[in-house]
Protein backbone atom coordinates (compact mmCIF):
# COMPACT_ATOMS: atom_id res chain seq x y z
CA MET A 1 0.12 -0.11 -0.04
CA LEU A 2 0.95 3.64 -0.52
CA GLU A 3 1.67 6.11 2.26
CA ALA A 4 -0.99 8.74 2.91
CA SER A 5 -0.57 12.06 0.71
CA LEU A 6 -2.89 14.07 2.87
CA LYS A 7 -3.34 14.46 6.60
CA LYS A 8 -6.72 13.25 7.84
CA ASN A 9 -9.28 16.12 8.51
CA ASP A 10 -12.51 14.65 7.96
CA LYS A 11 -14.43 17.79 9.12
CA LYS A 12 -12.87 20.11 6.56
CA ALA A 13 -13.07 17.33 3.88
CA TYR A 14 -16.71 17.02 4.27
CA VAL A 15 -17.28 20.74 4.13
CA LEU A 16 -14.95 21.36 0.98
CA ILE A 17 -16.32 18.32 -0.78
CA GLY A 18 -19.87 19.48 -0.05
CA ILE A 19 -19.29 23.06 -0.99
CA PHE A 20 -17.41 22.05 -4.22
CA SER A 21 -19.98 19.55 -5.31
CA ILE A 22 -22.91 21.98 -4.56
CA ILE A 23 -21.15 24.74 -6.70
CA VAL A 24 -20.65 22.47 -9.39
CA PHE A 25 -24.18 21.32 -9.55
CA ALA A 26 -25.53 24.98 -9.22
CA VAL A 27 -23.31 26.00 -12.22
CA VAL A 28 -24.50 23.15 -14.43
CA VAL A 29 -28.06 23.59 -13.53
CA LEU A 30 -27.98 27.30 -14.22
CA LEU A 31 -26.24 26.64 -17.71
CA GLY A 32 -29.53 25.51 -18.79
CA LYS A 33 -31.00 29.06 -18.30
CA PHE A 34 -28.20 31.16 -20.15
CA LYS A 35 -26.57 31.28 -23.45
CA LEU A 36 -24.02 33.87 -24.55
CA GLU A 37 -24.55 35.26 -28.18
CA ILE A 38 -20.85 35.55 -28.93
CA ASP A 39 -19.21 34.76 -32.35
CA LEU A 40 -15.76 33.17 -31.57
CA GLY A 41 -15.30 32.55 -35.25
CA PHE A 42 -15.18 28.83 -34.92
CA ASN A 43 -18.00 26.08 -34.55
CA VAL A 44 -18.41 25.97 -30.69
CA HIS A 45 -19.66 22.36 -31.01
CA ILE A 46 -15.80 21.44 -30.74
CA PHE A 47 -16.43 21.59 -27.09
CA ALA A 48 -18.75 19.02 -27.39
CA THR A 49 -16.42 16.87 -29.29
CA ILE A 50 -13.59 17.47 -26.68
CA ASN A 51 -16.21 16.48 -24.11
CA ALA A 52 -16.88 13.18 -25.81
CA ILE A 53 -13.07 12.69 -26.26
CA VAL A 54 -12.36 13.54 -22.49
CA ASN A 55 -15.08 11.33 -21.30
CA ALA A 56 -13.88 8.32 -23.45
CA LEU A 57 -10.30 8.91 -22.21
CA ILE A 58 -11.63 9.00 -18.51
CA ALA A 59 -13.25 5.79 -19.34
CA VAL A 60 -9.91 4.15 -20.55
CA LEU A 61 -7.92 5.70 -17.47
CA LEU A 62 -10.62 4.08 -14.92
CA VAL A 63 -10.03 0.62 -16.61
CA LEU A 64 -6.42 1.07 -16.60
CA ALA A 65 -6.59 2.17 -13.00
CA LEU A 66 -8.78 -0.73 -12.17
CA VAL A 67 -6.35 -3.19 -13.89
CA ALA A 68 -3.19 -1.65 -12.10
CA VAL A 69 -5.03 -2.03 -8.56
CA LYS A 70 -5.89 -5.63 -9.47
CA LYS A 71 -2.37 -6.39 -10.23
CA GLY A 72 -1.19 -4.66 -6.99
CA ASN A 73 0.53 -1.76 -8.63
CA TYR A 74 -0.89 0.98 -6.35
CA LEU A 75 1.34 3.80 -7.39
CA LEU A 76 0.26 3.19 -11.09
CA HIS A 77 -3.40 3.05 -9.83
CA LYS A 78 -3.08 6.31 -8.32
CA LYS A 79 -1.48 7.97 -11.10
CA PHE A 80 -4.27 6.71 -13.60
CA MET A 81 -6.97 7.83 -10.90
CA MET A 82 -5.42 11.45 -10.51
CA ALA A 83 -5.27 11.71 -14.23
CA ALA A 84 -8.96 10.67 -14.43
CA LEU A 85 -9.59 13.45 -11.77
CA VAL A 86 -7.61 16.02 -13.84
CA MET A 87 -9.42 15.13 -17.08
CA SER A 88 -12.67 15.41 -15.26
CA ILE A 89 -11.81 18.99 -14.51
CA VAL A 90 -10.94 19.53 -18.12
CA PHE A 91 -14.37 18.01 -19.04
CA LEU A 92 -16.12 20.33 -16.72
CA VAL A 93 -14.54 23.66 -18.21
CA SER A 94 -15.25 22.31 -21.73
CA TYR A 95 -18.75 21.34 -20.72
CA ILE A 96 -19.62 24.77 -19.36
CA ALA A 97 -18.20 26.59 -22.36
CA HIS A 98 -20.35 24.32 -24.88
CA HIS A 99 -23.24 25.09 -23.09
CA LEU A 100 -22.79 28.65 -22.47
CA LEU A 101 -21.84 29.15 -26.12
CA ALA A 102 -23.99 26.59 -27.91
CA GLY A 103 -27.23 26.11 -25.82
CA GLU A 104 -29.19 23.23 -26.15
CA ALA A 105 -29.84 20.85 -29.12
CA LYS A 106 -32.88 18.82 -29.41
CA PHE A 107 -32.76 15.12 -30.42
CA GLY A 108 -34.53 14.51 -33.75
CA ASP A 109 -34.62 18.40 -34.72
CA SER A 110 -33.22 17.67 -38.11
CA ASN A 111 -34.26 21.10 -39.50
CA HIS A 112 -32.67 22.96 -36.54
CA ASP A 113 -35.64 25.11 -35.84
CA GLY A 114 -35.71 24.28 -32.12
CA ILE A 115 -38.97 22.25 -32.48
CA VAL A 116 -39.30 18.54 -32.92
CA SER A 117 -42.29 17.89 -35.15
CA ASP A 118 -44.16 14.98 -35.46
CA ASP A 119 -42.50 14.23 -38.83
CA GLU A 120 -39.14 14.41 -37.22
CA LYS A 121 -40.18 12.36 -34.32
CA LEU A 122 -41.36 9.74 -36.87
CA ALA A 123 -38.13 9.87 -38.85
CA VAL A 124 -36.07 9.16 -35.70
CA GLY A 125 -38.62 6.39 -34.25
CA ASN A 126 -37.95 4.53 -30.99
CA ILE A 127 -34.18 5.50 -31.00
CA ARG A 128 -35.43 8.65 -29.59
CA VAL A 129 -36.76 6.68 -26.34
CA VAL A 130 -33.19 5.02 -26.23
CA TYR A 131 -31.58 8.18 -26.53
CA TYR A 132 -33.75 9.83 -23.57
CA LEU A 133 -33.29 6.78 -21.61
CA ILE A 134 -29.06 6.77 -21.84
CA LEU A 135 -29.63 10.75 -21.37
CA ALA A 136 -31.70 10.59 -18.18
CA THR A 137 -29.34 8.02 -16.58
CA HIS A 138 -26.09 9.85 -17.79
CA ILE A 139 -27.27 13.12 -16.29
CA PHE A 140 -28.50 11.75 -13.14
CA LEU A 141 -25.42 9.79 -12.30
CA ALA A 142 -23.32 12.71 -13.52
CA ALA A 143 -24.98 14.96 -10.97
CA VAL A 144 -24.75 12.91 -7.95
CA ILE A 145 -21.17 10.99 -8.62
CA LEU A 146 -19.00 14.18 -8.06
CA PRO A 147 -19.27 13.78 -4.02
CA PHE A 148 -18.56 10.07 -4.19
CA ILE A 149 -15.60 10.43 -6.28
CA LEU A 150 -14.12 13.06 -4.11
CA PHE A 151 -14.76 11.06 -0.98
CA THR A 152 -13.18 7.90 -2.60
CA ALA A 153 -10.25 9.85 -3.71
CA TYR A 154 -10.04 11.63 -0.19
CA ARG A 155 -10.08 8.13 1.57
CA ALA A 156 -7.25 6.98 -0.53
CA LEU A 157 -5.14 10.15 -0.08
CA ILE A 158 -5.33 9.85 3.62
CA GLY A 159 -4.30 6.11 3.59
CA GLU A 160 -7.90 4.79 4.58
CA PHE A 161 -7.64 2.00 1.96
CA SER A 162 -10.24 -0.20 3.40
CA LEU A 163 -12.80 2.62 3.40
CA HIS A 164 -11.36 3.73 -0.17
CA LYS A 165 -12.07 0.06 -1.40
CA LYS A 166 -15.68 -0.09 -0.22
CA LEU A 167 -16.56 3.38 -1.55
CA ALA A 168 -14.72 2.59 -4.89
CA ARG A 169 -16.86 -0.61 -5.40
CA ILE A 170 -19.79 1.85 -5.60
CA THR A 171 -18.13 4.90 -7.40
CA TRP A 172 -16.14 3.19 -10.01
CA PRO A 173 -18.92 1.59 -11.94
CA LEU A 174 -21.09 4.79 -11.81
CA TRP A 175 -18.35 7.00 -12.85
CA PHE A 176 -17.42 4.54 -15.69
CA TYR A 177 -21.10 4.44 -16.84
CA VAL A 178 -21.17 8.33 -16.88
CA ALA A 179 -17.87 8.40 -18.56
CA VAL A 180 -18.90 5.74 -21.41
CA THR A 181 -22.43 7.08 -21.96
CA GLY A 182 -21.20 10.72 -22.37
CA PRO A 183 -19.62 9.74 -25.75
CA ILE A 184 -22.74 7.92 -26.68
CA VAL A 185 -25.08 10.82 -25.99
CA TYR A 186 -22.71 12.95 -27.97
CA LEU A 187 -22.85 10.67 -31.03
CA MET A 188 -26.41 10.47 -30.81
CA ILE A 189 -27.07 14.39 -30.48
CA SER A 190 -24.33 15.69 -32.67
CA PRO A 191 -26.21 15.37 -35.87
CA TYR A 192 -28.82 17.94 -34.57
CA TYR A 193 -26.34 20.49 -33.61
CA HIS A 194 -26.74 23.66 -35.73
């Protein structure tokens, strides 16, 4: 096992993780209410592409971290997990940029008028239900996973590996699901960007 990287201070950790998680959640919720009308001279949907790539990279890092810990290579596991955390910050910045600059796209809106007509719904068929099921689970889990990720990392960083392992058994599959479904949602919605 590795040595602790941080000094244990549960009270401070709970407060900081709680505040950070609430702020991130509030910012993401508020994004749906604002769109900046700025012409940056390039297609702002590049941020959505970046998001999908970063999510895919996070999924790969999570798998590599799992393999490393199963092989007992704890230092490599830590490096992969820290990289996944850093990539999550990159994702968050890119996500905020995309939603502030591009607004919302509607699945099936092939003529990009902001309304999904009956003909457009008919054209996409039942895949619309699949899209919204994936999207709903992705959004819900993305909204609740952040404090779990941070608490799991905190337990490892203070050297409480048994608690870290217990939390990771819940956190890892949920985080992996969010990371994998992000690019799937992107691939499904990207034809409707305008």
